[in-house]
Amino acid sequence: MVEVIVVGSRHPCIRCITMKRYAEEVAKEFAGQVEVKYVRPDSEEIKRLGKVEDGYQISVIEKVPHDEEGIIRLNKEIDELRKDEEKNWPLIQKKMEELEEKLKPIKEKAVEKEYFMTPVLAVNGKVKCWGYVPSKEKVREWIGEELQEK
């Protein structure tokens, strides 16, 4: 059994939700061989991964200047677009790119202070990515590699 852990922010954002969805969709392709868990940064079981935190908490702890209002606005816009996600996906992707740009100063501080910033994807206890949403194909590749090692 391959264990996939997705660490999402305390207040789920589109990035964390998308990462979780990709992991769950890929897990279904490997029928019964993959277990996906979705946890928050303060979960006891992820402490073994290292210092994991969501962007908001990193910005507070490390006093990172950023466009908080812009981030909140974009998250609300994306959440509204998600009501008809299939139709709005190109616009959601564009808004996610804008969001990534606004998160840049926080991500830079996360790197400097050695945080894994949400969303985080770990496969069998190994952090595969953090701070962005990889393609579903990449998630499939990481899980497939772990299954081959078993």
Protein backbone atom coordinates (compact mmCIF):
# COMPACT_ATOMS: atom_id res chain seq x y z
CA MET A 1 0.00 0.00 0.00
CA VAL A 2 1.29 3.44 -0.95
CA GLU A 3 0.43 6.25 1.45
CA VAL A 4 -0.16 9.67 -0.10
CA ILE A 5 -0.49 12.62 2.22
CA VAL A 6 -1.75 15.95 0.99
CA VAL A 7 -1.22 18.77 3.45
CA GLY A 8 -3.64 21.61 2.87
CA SER A 9 -3.99 25.01 4.46
CA ARG A 10 -6.21 25.55 7.49
CA HIS A 11 -8.62 27.45 5.23
CA PRO A 12 -8.58 25.32 2.05
CA CYS A 13 -7.61 27.23 -1.04
CA ILE A 14 -8.00 26.16 -4.65
CA ARG A 15 -4.37 25.00 -4.75
CA CYS A 16 -4.84 22.60 -1.83
CA ILE A 17 -8.23 21.41 -3.08
CA THR A 18 -6.82 20.77 -6.56
CA MET A 19 -3.85 18.82 -5.17
CA LYS A 20 -6.21 16.66 -3.11
CA ARG A 21 -8.45 16.03 -6.12
CA TYR A 22 -5.51 15.01 -8.32
CA ALA A 23 -4.21 12.61 -5.64
CA GLU A 24 -7.64 11.03 -5.18
CA GLU A 25 -8.23 10.66 -8.93
CA VAL A 26 -4.83 9.04 -9.43
CA ALA A 27 -5.38 6.75 -6.42
CA LYS A 28 -8.54 5.39 -8.09
CA GLU A 29 -6.44 4.38 -11.10
CA PHE A 30 -4.36 2.11 -8.82
CA ALA A 31 -7.44 0.41 -7.31
CA GLY A 32 -6.82 -0.47 -3.69
CA GLN A 33 -3.05 0.11 -3.78
CA VAL A 34 -3.04 3.77 -2.72
CA GLU A 35 -4.42 5.47 0.38
CA VAL A 36 -4.83 9.25 0.30
CA LYS A 37 -4.98 11.30 3.49
CA TYR A 38 -5.74 15.00 3.60
CA VAL A 39 -4.37 16.74 6.69
CA ARG A 40 -3.76 20.24 8.02
CA PRO A 41 -0.30 21.69 8.78
CA ASP A 42 -0.79 21.27 12.53
CA SER A 43 -1.50 17.53 12.23
CA GLU A 44 0.71 15.33 14.41
CA GLU A 45 1.29 12.80 11.62
CA ILE A 46 3.06 15.28 9.34
CA LYS A 47 5.63 16.48 11.86
CA ARG A 48 7.95 13.76 10.53
CA LEU A 49 8.01 15.55 7.16
CA GLY A 50 9.67 18.65 8.58
CA LYS A 51 8.46 22.21 9.12
CA VAL A 52 5.12 22.37 7.27
CA GLU A 53 2.93 25.46 7.29
CA ASP A 54 0.38 27.31 5.21
CA GLY A 55 1.20 30.60 3.56
CA TYR A 56 -0.87 32.70 5.92
CA GLN A 57 0.88 31.32 9.00
CA ILE A 58 4.31 31.73 7.39
CA SER A 59 3.46 35.36 6.61
CA VAL A 60 2.42 35.96 10.24
CA ILE A 61 5.29 34.06 11.90
CA GLU A 62 7.97 35.55 9.65
CA LYS A 63 6.29 38.97 9.21
CA VAL A 64 6.32 38.79 5.41
CA PRO A 65 4.93 41.86 3.63
CA HIS A 66 2.43 40.73 0.99
CA ASP A 67 -0.86 41.63 -0.67
CA GLU A 68 -3.19 39.86 1.76
CA GLU A 69 -6.30 41.61 0.42
CA GLY A 70 -5.38 40.56 -3.12
CA ILE A 71 -4.90 36.95 -2.04
CA ILE A 72 -8.26 36.92 -0.24
CA ARG A 73 -9.96 38.51 -3.26
CA LEU A 74 -8.47 35.98 -5.68
CA ASN A 75 -9.42 33.05 -3.44
CA LYS A 76 -13.01 34.33 -3.30
CA GLU A 77 -13.12 34.82 -7.08
CA ILE A 78 -11.74 31.33 -7.67
CA ASP A 79 -14.18 29.84 -5.16
CA GLU A 80 -17.05 31.48 -7.04
CA LEU A 81 -15.75 30.21 -10.40
CA ARG A 82 -15.50 26.68 -8.96
CA LYS A 83 -19.31 26.51 -8.85
CA ASP A 84 -19.08 25.68 -12.56
CA GLU A 85 -15.48 24.46 -12.57
CA GLU A 86 -15.57 22.61 -15.87
CA LYS A 87 -16.83 25.64 -17.79
CA ASN A 88 -14.62 28.10 -15.89
CA TRP A 89 -11.40 26.06 -15.72
CA PRO A 90 -9.37 28.30 -18.11
CA LEU A 91 -10.28 31.37 -16.05
CA ILE A 92 -9.58 29.49 -12.80
CA GLN A 93 -6.11 28.63 -14.10
CA LYS A 94 -5.49 32.28 -14.97
CA LYS A 95 -6.57 33.37 -11.49
CA MET A 96 -4.37 30.67 -9.95
CA GLU A 97 -1.39 32.12 -11.83
CA GLU A 98 -2.23 35.56 -10.39
CA LEU A 99 -2.47 33.97 -6.95
CA GLU A 100 0.95 32.33 -7.38
CA GLU A 101 2.43 35.74 -8.17
CA LYS A 102 0.90 37.27 -5.03
CA LEU A 103 2.24 34.37 -2.93
CA LYS A 104 5.79 34.82 -4.24
CA PRO A 105 7.18 36.81 -1.26
CA ILE A 106 5.78 34.22 1.16
CA LYS A 107 7.21 31.34 -0.88
CA GLU A 108 10.61 33.03 -0.93
CA LYS A 109 10.53 33.35 2.86
CA ALA A 110 9.42 29.70 3.14
CA VAL A 111 12.51 28.64 1.19
CA GLU A 112 14.76 30.89 3.26
CA LYS A 113 13.37 29.58 6.57
CA GLU A 114 13.09 25.96 5.36
CA TYR A 115 9.32 25.55 5.52
CA PHE A 116 7.33 23.23 3.32
CA MET A 117 4.48 25.56 2.34
CA THR A 118 1.08 24.13 1.51
CA PRO A 119 -0.01 22.44 -0.58
CA VAL A 120 2.41 19.61 0.21
CA LEU A 121 2.35 16.18 -1.39
CA ALA A 122 4.20 13.33 0.31
CA VAL A 123 4.33 9.77 -1.00
CA ASN A 124 5.38 7.10 1.50
CA GLY A 125 6.83 9.78 3.78
CA LYS A 126 8.86 11.50 1.05
CA VAL A 127 7.93 15.09 0.19
CA LYS A 128 7.54 15.18 -3.58
CA CYS A 129 6.44 18.79 -3.92
CA TRP A 130 5.35 21.79 -1.92
CA GLY A 131 4.06 25.28 -2.57
CA TYR A 132 2.52 24.52 -5.97
CA VAL A 133 0.19 22.07 -7.68
CA PRO A 134 1.95 19.63 -9.98
CA SER A 135 0.20 18.13 -12.98
CA LYS A 136 -1.94 15.07 -12.43
CA GLU A 137 0.52 13.21 -14.66
CA LYS A 138 3.38 14.07 -12.29
CA VAL A 139 1.37 12.84 -9.29
CA ARG A 140 0.69 9.61 -11.20
CA GLU A 141 4.41 9.26 -11.95
CA TRP A 142 5.44 9.70 -8.28
CA ILE A 143 2.88 7.17 -7.08
CA GLY A 144 3.83 4.74 -9.85
CA GLU A 145 7.49 4.97 -8.85
CA GLU A 146 6.63 4.09 -5.26
CA LEU A 147 4.50 1.14 -6.36
CA GLN A 148 7.40 -0.18 -8.47
CA GLU A 149 9.76 0.03 -5.49
CA LYS A 150 7.46 -2.21 -3.42
